[in-house]
Amino acid sequence: MQKMILPLLTIGIILILFFTYFVPKDDLGSFSSYSTNSNASQDIIVKLVHDKGFRADKNLGTIFYVTDKAGKEMKVHGPLDMPPGLDMTSRVTLRGHLHDDYFHAAEVTLRN
């Protein structure tokens, strides 16, 4: 019995660390954690603002608005070819980088 305590305790600690740090989160992200000086693409989960609609511009891409977990509204310049069903979902994952007054999304993925 005593020989089982240490291995079980070790496995328990490893499982806690794994589920705490390495399992992807499904919560909304925050634009405040992004740097406007970085061009590295990062993922963020945001909520769509359907009231402002979606506008296609051949120079800027698709322009729409989202909010983060703090309620901060941000304009997004996304790709022209948006995924089907965007008007039916409430949350999306954006992969891109933050500028001073908008988020440039190279990729938009639907979430449920």
N, C-alpha and C. Protein backbone atom coordinates (compact mmCIF):
# COMPACT_ATOMS: atom_id res chain seq x y z
N MET A 1 0.83 -1.20 0.00
CA MET A 1 0.00 0.00 0.00
C MET A 1 0.87 1.26 0.00
N GLN A 2 1.94 1.29 0.80
CA GLN A 2 2.80 2.46 0.88
C GLN A 2 3.55 2.69 -0.43
N LYS A 3 3.84 1.61 -1.17
CA LYS A 3 4.54 1.74 -2.45
C LYS A 3 3.64 2.36 -3.52
N MET A 4 2.34 2.37 -3.31
CA MET A 4 1.40 2.91 -4.28
C MET A 4 1.15 4.40 -4.09
N ILE A 5 1.41 4.93 -2.91
CA ILE A 5 1.09 6.32 -2.61
C ILE A 5 1.91 7.29 -3.46
N LEU A 6 3.21 7.11 -3.52
CA LEU A 6 4.07 8.01 -4.28
C LEU A 6 3.76 8.01 -5.78
N PRO A 7 3.62 6.86 -6.43
CA PRO A 7 3.26 6.89 -7.87
C PRO A 7 1.88 7.52 -8.11
N LEU A 8 0.90 7.24 -7.27
CA LEU A 8 -0.43 7.82 -7.44
C LEU A 8 -0.39 9.34 -7.22
N LEU A 9 0.37 9.78 -6.25
CA LEU A 9 0.52 11.21 -6.01
C LEU A 9 1.20 11.90 -7.19
N THR A 10 2.22 11.28 -7.75
CA THR A 10 2.92 11.82 -8.92
C THR A 10 1.99 11.91 -10.13
N ILE A 11 1.24 10.87 -10.38
CA ILE A 11 0.29 10.87 -11.50
C ILE A 11 -0.77 11.93 -11.28
N GLY A 12 -1.24 12.09 -10.07
CA GLY A 12 -2.24 13.12 -9.76
C GLY A 12 -1.72 14.52 -10.03
N ILE A 13 -0.49 14.80 -9.64
CA ILE A 13 0.11 16.12 -9.87
C ILE A 13 0.28 16.38 -11.37
N ILE A 14 0.72 15.37 -12.11
CA ILE A 14 0.89 15.51 -13.56
C ILE A 14 -0.46 15.79 -14.23
N LEU A 15 -1.51 15.09 -13.82
CA LEU A 15 -2.83 15.32 -14.41
C LEU A 15 -3.36 16.72 -14.08
N ILE A 16 -3.15 17.18 -12.87
CA ILE A 16 -3.58 18.54 -12.50
C ILE A 16 -2.86 19.58 -13.33
N LEU A 17 -1.55 19.44 -13.49
CA LEU A 17 -0.78 20.38 -14.31
C LEU A 17 -1.23 20.35 -15.77
N PHE A 18 -1.48 19.16 -16.29
CA PHE A 18 -1.91 19.04 -17.68
C PHE A 18 -3.24 19.74 -17.90
N PHE A 19 -4.23 19.46 -17.06
CA PHE A 19 -5.54 20.04 -17.27
C PHE A 19 -5.58 21.53 -16.93
N THR A 20 -4.67 22.01 -16.13
CA THR A 20 -4.63 23.43 -15.78
C THR A 20 -3.96 24.26 -16.86
N TYR A 21 -2.87 23.77 -17.44
CA TYR A 21 -2.07 24.60 -18.34
C TYR A 21 -2.14 24.23 -19.82
N PHE A 22 -2.38 22.97 -20.14
CA PHE A 22 -2.23 22.55 -21.53
C PHE A 22 -3.52 22.28 -22.28
N VAL A 23 -4.62 22.13 -21.61
CA VAL A 23 -5.90 21.91 -22.29
C VAL A 23 -6.40 23.26 -22.78
N PRO A 24 -6.80 23.35 -24.06
CA PRO A 24 -7.25 24.64 -24.59
C PRO A 24 -8.48 25.17 -23.85
N LYS A 25 -8.51 26.46 -23.66
CA LYS A 25 -9.61 27.11 -22.97
C LYS A 25 -10.69 27.48 -23.98
N ASP A 26 -11.93 27.57 -23.53
CA ASP A 26 -13.04 27.92 -24.40
C ASP A 26 -13.64 29.25 -23.98
N ASP A 27 -12.93 30.03 -23.17
CA ASP A 27 -13.42 31.32 -22.70
C ASP A 27 -13.06 32.41 -23.70
N LEU A 28 -13.78 33.53 -23.60
CA LEU A 28 -13.44 34.68 -24.43
C LEU A 28 -12.08 35.22 -24.05
N GLY A 29 -11.34 35.71 -25.03
CA GLY A 29 -10.03 36.30 -24.78
C GLY A 29 -10.13 37.79 -24.52
N SER A 30 -8.99 38.42 -24.31
CA SER A 30 -8.93 39.85 -24.01
C SER A 30 -7.93 40.54 -24.93
N PHE A 31 -8.37 41.62 -25.57
CA PHE A 31 -7.47 42.38 -26.44
C PHE A 31 -6.37 43.08 -25.65
N SER A 32 -6.56 43.29 -24.37
CA SER A 32 -5.55 43.97 -23.57
C SER A 32 -4.27 43.14 -23.41
N SER A 33 -4.35 41.84 -23.67
CA SER A 33 -3.15 41.00 -23.56
C SER A 33 -2.33 40.98 -24.85
N TYR A 34 -2.77 41.70 -25.88
CA TYR A 34 -2.06 41.76 -27.15
C TYR A 34 -1.26 43.06 -27.26
N SER A 35 -0.12 42.98 -27.90
CA SER A 35 0.73 44.14 -28.12
C SER A 35 0.52 44.65 -29.55
N THR A 36 0.36 45.96 -29.69
CA THR A 36 0.20 46.55 -31.03
C THR A 36 1.52 46.60 -31.77
N ASN A 37 2.62 46.36 -31.10
CA ASN A 37 3.94 46.39 -31.73
C ASN A 37 4.36 45.05 -32.31
N SER A 38 3.55 44.01 -32.08
CA SER A 38 3.90 42.68 -32.53
C SER A 38 3.09 42.30 -33.76
N ASN A 39 3.74 41.71 -34.74
CA ASN A 39 3.05 41.20 -35.92
C ASN A 39 2.89 39.69 -35.87
N ALA A 40 3.17 39.08 -34.73
CA ALA A 40 3.01 37.64 -34.58
C ALA A 40 1.51 37.31 -34.53
N SER A 41 1.12 36.31 -35.28
CA SER A 41 -0.27 35.89 -35.28
C SER A 41 -0.58 35.09 -34.03
N GLN A 42 -1.67 35.48 -33.37
CA GLN A 42 -2.13 34.79 -32.17
C GLN A 42 -3.62 34.56 -32.28
N ASP A 43 -4.11 33.56 -31.57
CA ASP A 43 -5.54 33.24 -31.57
C ASP A 43 -6.24 33.96 -30.42
N ILE A 44 -7.48 34.39 -30.67
CA ILE A 44 -8.32 34.97 -29.63
C ILE A 44 -9.76 34.58 -29.92
N ILE A 45 -10.47 34.18 -28.89
CA ILE A 45 -11.89 33.86 -29.01
C ILE A 45 -12.68 35.12 -28.64
N VAL A 46 -13.58 35.54 -29.53
CA VAL A 46 -14.35 36.77 -29.33
C VAL A 46 -15.82 36.53 -29.68
N LYS A 47 -16.65 37.48 -29.27
CA LYS A 47 -18.08 37.44 -29.55
C LYS A 47 -18.38 38.41 -30.69
N LEU A 48 -19.16 37.97 -31.67
CA LEU A 48 -19.52 38.82 -32.80
C LEU A 48 -20.57 39.86 -32.41
N VAL A 49 -20.47 41.04 -33.00
CA VAL A 49 -21.48 42.09 -32.84
C VAL A 49 -22.29 42.08 -34.14
N HIS A 50 -23.40 41.36 -34.16
CA HIS A 50 -24.21 41.20 -35.37
C HIS A 50 -24.92 42.49 -35.77
N ASP A 51 -25.19 43.37 -34.80
CA ASP A 51 -25.93 44.60 -35.09
C ASP A 51 -25.20 45.50 -36.09
N LYS A 52 -23.89 45.45 -36.11
CA LYS A 52 -23.10 46.33 -37.00
C LYS A 52 -22.86 45.69 -38.36
N GLY A 53 -23.22 44.43 -38.52
CA GLY A 53 -23.16 43.76 -39.81
C GLY A 53 -21.75 43.44 -40.30
N PHE A 54 -21.69 42.97 -41.54
CA PHE A 54 -20.45 42.59 -42.20
C PHE A 54 -20.38 43.34 -43.53
N ARG A 55 -19.23 43.94 -43.80
CA ARG A 55 -19.06 44.72 -45.02
C ARG A 55 -17.82 44.21 -45.75
N ALA A 56 -17.98 43.86 -47.02
CA ALA A 56 -16.86 43.38 -47.84
C ALA A 56 -16.24 44.55 -48.59
N ASP A 57 -14.93 44.67 -48.48
CA ASP A 57 -14.17 45.70 -49.17
C ASP A 57 -12.99 44.99 -49.83
N LYS A 58 -12.86 45.11 -51.16
CA LYS A 58 -11.81 44.34 -51.86
C LYS A 58 -10.41 44.76 -51.46
N ASN A 59 -10.23 45.96 -50.90
CA ASN A 59 -8.91 46.40 -50.45
C ASN A 59 -8.62 46.00 -49.00
N LEU A 60 -9.63 46.04 -48.15
CA LEU A 60 -9.44 45.77 -46.71
C LEU A 60 -9.90 44.39 -46.29
N GLY A 61 -10.68 43.71 -47.09
CA GLY A 61 -11.23 42.42 -46.72
C GLY A 61 -12.63 42.60 -46.15
N THR A 62 -13.06 41.67 -45.34
CA THR A 62 -14.37 41.76 -44.69
C THR A 62 -14.21 42.51 -43.38
N ILE A 63 -15.03 43.53 -43.18
CA ILE A 63 -14.95 44.35 -41.98
C ILE A 63 -16.16 44.04 -41.11
N PHE A 64 -15.91 43.72 -39.84
CA PHE A 64 -16.97 43.44 -38.89
C PHE A 64 -16.47 43.80 -37.49
N TYR A 65 -17.35 43.69 -36.50
CA TYR A 65 -17.02 44.10 -35.14
C TYR A 65 -17.20 42.93 -34.18
N VAL A 66 -16.34 42.91 -33.15
CA VAL A 66 -16.38 41.87 -32.12
C VAL A 66 -16.17 42.51 -30.75
N THR A 67 -16.49 41.76 -29.71
CA THR A 67 -16.20 42.19 -28.34
C THR A 67 -15.42 41.09 -27.63
N ASP A 68 -14.56 41.51 -26.70
CA ASP A 68 -13.78 40.54 -25.91
C ASP A 68 -14.45 40.33 -24.56
N LYS A 69 -13.77 39.62 -23.66
CA LYS A 69 -14.38 39.30 -22.37
C LYS A 69 -14.59 40.53 -21.49
N ALA A 70 -13.85 41.60 -21.73
CA ALA A 70 -14.02 42.83 -20.95
C ALA A 70 -15.10 43.73 -21.55
N GLY A 71 -15.69 43.31 -22.69
CA GLY A 71 -16.71 44.11 -23.34
C GLY A 71 -16.15 45.15 -24.29
N LYS A 72 -14.84 45.13 -24.52
CA LYS A 72 -14.22 46.10 -25.43
C LYS A 72 -14.56 45.73 -26.87
N GLU A 73 -15.12 46.68 -27.58
CA GLU A 73 -15.50 46.46 -28.97
C GLU A 73 -14.32 46.81 -29.87
N MET A 74 -14.09 45.97 -30.88
CA MET A 74 -12.95 46.15 -31.78
C MET A 74 -13.39 45.89 -33.21
N LYS A 75 -12.92 46.74 -34.14
CA LYS A 75 -13.16 46.51 -35.56
C LYS A 75 -12.18 45.45 -36.03
N VAL A 76 -12.64 44.57 -36.92
CA VAL A 76 -11.81 43.49 -37.43
C VAL A 76 -11.76 43.59 -38.95
N HIS A 77 -10.55 43.47 -39.50
CA HIS A 77 -10.36 43.34 -40.94
C HIS A 77 -10.02 41.87 -41.17
N GLY A 78 -10.98 41.13 -41.72
CA GLY A 78 -10.79 39.71 -41.96
C GLY A 78 -10.61 39.41 -43.43
N PRO A 79 -10.43 38.14 -43.78
CA PRO A 79 -10.28 37.78 -45.19
C PRO A 79 -11.61 37.97 -45.95
N LEU A 80 -11.52 38.12 -47.25
CA LEU A 80 -12.73 38.27 -48.07
C LEU A 80 -13.58 37.00 -48.06
N ASP A 81 -12.94 35.85 -48.08
CA ASP A 81 -13.67 34.59 -48.09
C ASP A 81 -13.91 34.11 -46.66
N MET A 82 -14.99 34.60 -46.07
CA MET A 82 -15.34 34.24 -44.70
C MET A 82 -16.03 32.88 -44.68
N PRO A 83 -15.94 32.16 -43.56
CA PRO A 83 -16.58 30.84 -43.49
C PRO A 83 -18.10 30.96 -43.54
N PRO A 84 -18.77 30.01 -44.20
CA PRO A 84 -20.23 30.06 -44.24
C PRO A 84 -20.82 29.85 -42.85
N GLY A 85 -21.93 30.51 -42.58
CA GLY A 85 -22.59 30.39 -41.29
C GLY A 85 -22.14 31.42 -40.27
N LEU A 86 -21.35 32.39 -40.71
CA LEU A 86 -20.85 33.41 -39.79
C LEU A 86 -21.98 34.23 -39.18
N ASP A 87 -23.03 34.45 -39.95
CA ASP A 87 -24.16 35.24 -39.44
C ASP A 87 -25.03 34.45 -38.46
N MET A 88 -24.80 33.13 -38.34
CA MET A 88 -25.60 32.29 -37.44
C MET A 88 -24.89 31.95 -36.13
N THR A 89 -23.61 32.24 -36.02
CA THR A 89 -22.85 31.90 -34.81
C THR A 89 -22.66 33.14 -33.95
N SER A 90 -22.35 32.92 -32.69
CA SER A 90 -22.14 34.08 -31.80
C SER A 90 -20.67 34.30 -31.47
N ARG A 91 -19.86 33.24 -31.56
CA ARG A 91 -18.44 33.37 -31.22
C ARG A 91 -17.57 32.85 -32.35
N VAL A 92 -16.40 33.47 -32.49
CA VAL A 92 -15.42 33.05 -33.49
C VAL A 92 -14.02 33.09 -32.88
N THR A 93 -13.12 32.35 -33.50
CA THR A 93 -11.70 32.44 -33.15
C THR A 93 -11.01 33.20 -34.27
N LEU A 94 -10.33 34.26 -33.89
CA LEU A 94 -9.57 35.06 -34.84
C LEU A 94 -8.09 34.74 -34.69
N ARG A 95 -7.41 34.54 -35.79
CA ARG A 95 -5.95 34.37 -35.78
C ARG A 95 -5.37 35.57 -36.52
N GLY A 96 -4.61 36.38 -35.79
CA GLY A 96 -4.03 37.56 -36.41
C GLY A 96 -3.29 38.40 -35.39
N HIS A 97 -3.22 39.71 -35.65
CA HIS A 97 -2.49 40.60 -34.75
C HIS A 97 -3.24 41.92 -34.61
N LEU A 98 -2.95 42.61 -33.52
CA LEU A 98 -3.64 43.84 -33.16
C LEU A 98 -2.89 45.06 -33.67
N HIS A 99 -3.65 45.98 -34.26
CA HIS A 99 -3.14 47.31 -34.64
C HIS A 99 -3.73 48.31 -33.65
N ASP A 100 -3.43 49.57 -33.82
CA ASP A 100 -3.92 50.58 -32.88
C ASP A 100 -5.44 50.63 -32.80
N ASP A 101 -6.12 50.61 -33.94
CA ASP A 101 -7.57 50.79 -33.92
C ASP A 101 -8.36 49.64 -34.54
N TYR A 102 -7.69 48.54 -34.89
CA TYR A 102 -8.40 47.38 -35.42
C TYR A 102 -7.56 46.12 -35.24
N PHE A 103 -8.21 44.97 -35.41
CA PHE A 103 -7.54 43.68 -35.34
C PHE A 103 -7.49 43.13 -36.76
N HIS A 104 -6.31 42.77 -37.25
CA HIS A 104 -6.16 42.19 -38.57
C HIS A 104 -6.19 40.67 -38.43
N ALA A 105 -7.28 40.06 -38.92
CA ALA A 105 -7.45 38.62 -38.81
C ALA A 105 -7.10 37.96 -40.13
N ALA A 106 -6.08 37.13 -40.12
CA ALA A 106 -5.70 36.37 -41.31
C ALA A 106 -6.60 35.16 -41.48
N GLU A 107 -7.20 34.70 -40.36
CA GLU A 107 -8.05 33.51 -40.41
C GLU A 107 -9.18 33.68 -39.40
N VAL A 108 -10.39 33.28 -39.79
CA VAL A 108 -11.56 33.33 -38.91
C VAL A 108 -12.16 31.93 -38.86
N THR A 109 -12.34 31.41 -37.65
CA THR A 109 -12.90 30.08 -37.45
C THR A 109 -14.15 30.17 -36.59
N LEU A 110 -15.21 29.49 -37.01
CA LEU A 110 -16.46 29.49 -36.26
C LEU A 110 -16.34 28.67 -34.98
N ARG A 111 -17.03 29.11 -33.94
CA ARG A 111 -17.13 28.36 -32.68
C ARG A 111 -18.60 28.26 -32.34
N ASN A 112 -18.97 27.31 -31.51
CA ASN A 112 -20.38 27.20 -31.09
C ASN A 112 -20.55 27.52 -29.65
